[in-house]
N, C-alpha and C. Protein backbone atom coordinates (compact mmCIF):
# COMPACT_ATOMS: atom_id res chain seq x y z
N MET A 1 7.94 67.82 51.15
CA MET A 1 7.91 66.74 52.14
C MET A 1 7.12 65.55 51.60
N ASP A 2 6.01 65.80 50.99
CA ASP A 2 5.16 64.73 50.48
C ASP A 2 5.88 63.92 49.40
N LYS A 3 6.61 64.59 48.54
CA LYS A 3 7.35 63.90 47.47
C LYS A 3 8.44 63.02 48.07
N GLU A 4 9.12 63.51 49.08
CA GLU A 4 10.17 62.73 49.74
C GLU A 4 9.59 61.49 50.40
N LEU A 5 8.46 61.67 51.05
CA LEU A 5 7.80 60.55 51.72
C LEU A 5 7.36 59.50 50.71
N ARG A 6 6.82 59.93 49.60
CA ARG A 6 6.41 58.99 48.56
C ARG A 6 7.61 58.23 47.99
N LYS A 7 8.71 58.94 47.79
CA LYS A 7 9.93 58.31 47.27
C LYS A 7 10.44 57.26 48.25
N GLU A 8 10.48 57.59 49.53
CA GLU A 8 10.92 56.65 50.56
C GLU A 8 10.00 55.43 50.60
N PHE A 9 8.71 55.68 50.48
CA PHE A 9 7.76 54.57 50.50
C PHE A 9 7.96 53.65 49.30
N ARG A 10 8.16 54.22 48.11
CA ARG A 10 8.39 53.39 46.91
C ARG A 10 9.66 52.55 47.07
N GLU A 11 10.71 53.16 47.61
CA GLU A 11 11.95 52.42 47.83
C GLU A 11 11.74 51.29 48.83
N TRP A 12 11.02 51.59 49.92
CA TRP A 12 10.74 50.56 50.93
C TRP A 12 9.90 49.44 50.33
N LYS A 13 8.89 49.80 49.55
CA LYS A 13 8.01 48.81 48.94
C LYS A 13 8.79 47.92 47.97
N ALA A 14 9.69 48.53 47.19
CA ALA A 14 10.49 47.75 46.25
C ALA A 14 11.38 46.76 47.01
N GLU A 15 11.95 47.19 48.12
CA GLU A 15 12.79 46.31 48.93
C GLU A 15 11.97 45.14 49.50
N VAL A 16 10.79 45.44 50.00
CA VAL A 16 9.94 44.40 50.56
C VAL A 16 9.50 43.43 49.47
N ASP A 17 9.16 43.94 48.31
CA ASP A 17 8.76 43.07 47.20
C ASP A 17 9.91 42.15 46.77
N ASP A 18 11.13 42.69 46.74
CA ASP A 18 12.29 41.87 46.39
C ASP A 18 12.51 40.76 47.40
N ARG A 19 12.39 41.10 48.67
CA ARG A 19 12.56 40.08 49.72
C ARG A 19 11.49 39.00 49.60
N LEU A 20 10.26 39.43 49.35
CA LEU A 20 9.17 38.48 49.22
C LEU A 20 9.38 37.56 48.02
N ASP A 21 9.83 38.11 46.91
CA ASP A 21 10.11 37.29 45.72
C ASP A 21 11.19 36.25 46.01
N ARG A 22 12.24 36.67 46.72
CA ARG A 22 13.31 35.72 47.05
C ARG A 22 12.80 34.62 47.98
N LEU A 23 12.00 34.99 48.97
CA LEU A 23 11.46 33.99 49.88
C LEU A 23 10.54 33.01 49.16
N GLU A 24 9.72 33.53 48.27
CA GLU A 24 8.83 32.66 47.50
C GLU A 24 9.63 31.71 46.61
N ALA A 25 10.69 32.20 46.01
CA ALA A 25 11.53 31.35 45.16
C ALA A 25 12.20 30.27 45.99
N GLU A 26 12.68 30.62 47.18
CA GLU A 26 13.30 29.62 48.07
C GLU A 26 12.28 28.57 48.48
N GLN A 27 11.07 29.01 48.79
CA GLN A 27 10.04 28.06 49.21
C GLN A 27 9.65 27.13 48.08
N LYS A 28 9.55 27.66 46.87
CA LYS A 28 9.23 26.81 45.72
C LYS A 28 10.32 25.78 45.50
N ALA A 29 11.57 26.20 45.66
CA ALA A 29 12.69 25.27 45.49
C ALA A 29 12.62 24.17 46.55
N LYS A 30 12.28 24.52 47.76
CA LYS A 30 12.16 23.52 48.83
C LYS A 30 10.99 22.58 48.54
N ASP A 31 9.89 23.13 48.05
CA ASP A 31 8.72 22.30 47.73
C ASP A 31 9.04 21.32 46.61
N VAL A 32 9.79 21.74 45.62
CA VAL A 32 10.15 20.87 44.51
C VAL A 32 11.03 19.73 45.02
N VAL A 33 11.98 20.04 45.87
CA VAL A 33 12.88 19.02 46.40
C VAL A 33 12.11 18.04 47.27
N SER A 34 11.21 18.54 48.10
CA SER A 34 10.48 17.65 49.00
C SER A 34 9.42 16.84 48.27
N SER A 35 8.93 17.32 47.13
CA SER A 35 7.90 16.57 46.41
C SER A 35 8.49 15.53 45.46
N ASP A 36 9.78 15.63 45.15
CA ASP A 36 10.42 14.63 44.30
C ASP A 36 10.53 13.32 45.06
N PRO A 37 10.17 12.21 44.44
CA PRO A 37 10.31 10.94 45.13
C PRO A 37 11.78 10.62 45.36
N ALA A 38 12.04 9.93 46.43
CA ALA A 38 13.42 9.57 46.74
C ALA A 38 13.93 8.59 45.70
N PRO A 39 15.15 8.77 45.25
CA PRO A 39 15.69 7.84 44.25
C PRO A 39 15.84 6.45 44.85
N GLN A 40 15.50 5.46 44.08
CA GLN A 40 15.61 4.09 44.54
C GLN A 40 17.06 3.66 44.50
N PRO A 41 17.54 3.04 45.54
CA PRO A 41 18.93 2.59 45.52
C PRO A 41 19.13 1.50 44.48
N THR A 42 20.18 1.60 43.72
CA THR A 42 20.44 0.64 42.66
C THR A 42 20.97 -0.67 43.22
N SER A 43 21.46 -0.64 44.44
CA SER A 43 22.02 -1.86 45.03
C SER A 43 20.94 -2.90 45.28
N SER A 44 19.69 -2.50 45.46
CA SER A 44 18.63 -3.48 45.72
C SER A 44 18.41 -4.37 44.50
N LYS A 45 18.51 -3.79 43.32
CA LYS A 45 18.36 -4.61 42.12
C LYS A 45 19.51 -5.60 42.01
N LYS A 46 20.70 -5.14 42.34
CA LYS A 46 21.87 -6.00 42.27
C LYS A 46 21.75 -7.12 43.31
N ALA A 47 21.31 -6.80 44.50
CA ALA A 47 21.16 -7.80 45.55
C ALA A 47 20.11 -8.83 45.16
N ALA A 48 19.03 -8.38 44.55
CA ALA A 48 17.99 -9.31 44.13
C ALA A 48 18.51 -10.24 43.03
N ALA A 49 19.30 -9.72 42.12
CA ALA A 49 19.85 -10.53 41.06
C ALA A 49 20.83 -11.57 41.62
N GLU A 50 21.62 -11.16 42.59
CA GLU A 50 22.58 -12.08 43.22
C GLU A 50 21.84 -13.18 43.98
N ALA A 51 20.76 -12.82 44.66
CA ALA A 51 19.99 -13.81 45.40
C ALA A 51 19.38 -14.83 44.44
N ALA A 52 18.88 -14.37 43.32
CA ALA A 52 18.27 -15.27 42.34
C ALA A 52 19.32 -16.20 41.76
N SER A 53 20.51 -15.69 41.49
CA SER A 53 21.54 -16.55 40.91
C SER A 53 22.05 -17.56 41.93
N SER A 54 22.09 -17.19 43.21
CA SER A 54 22.55 -18.14 44.21
C SER A 54 21.50 -19.24 44.44
N GLU A 55 20.21 -18.91 44.27
CA GLU A 55 19.18 -19.93 44.38
C GLU A 55 19.28 -20.93 43.24
N LYS A 56 19.62 -20.48 42.04
CA LYS A 56 19.80 -21.38 40.91
C LYS A 56 20.95 -22.34 41.16
N ASP A 57 22.05 -21.83 41.75
CA ASP A 57 23.20 -22.65 42.04
C ASP A 57 22.86 -23.73 43.08
N ALA A 58 22.00 -23.38 44.02
CA ALA A 58 21.65 -24.31 45.10
C ALA A 58 20.79 -25.46 44.56
N ASN A 59 20.01 -25.21 43.53
CA ASN A 59 19.13 -26.24 43.00
C ASN A 59 19.88 -27.12 42.11
């Protein structure tokens, strides 16, 4: 009986450890995504360049 109980406990512990590892990996992935700065839109550079060229034309 004792051997069976130990075997069941080891199996249960291995399952819990696997679940914990997966949850930790998911959390790390979420942390990496949330800590990355948002990419700057490239259209703002284009809009600024267009505004500068239109000011030159006006002068």
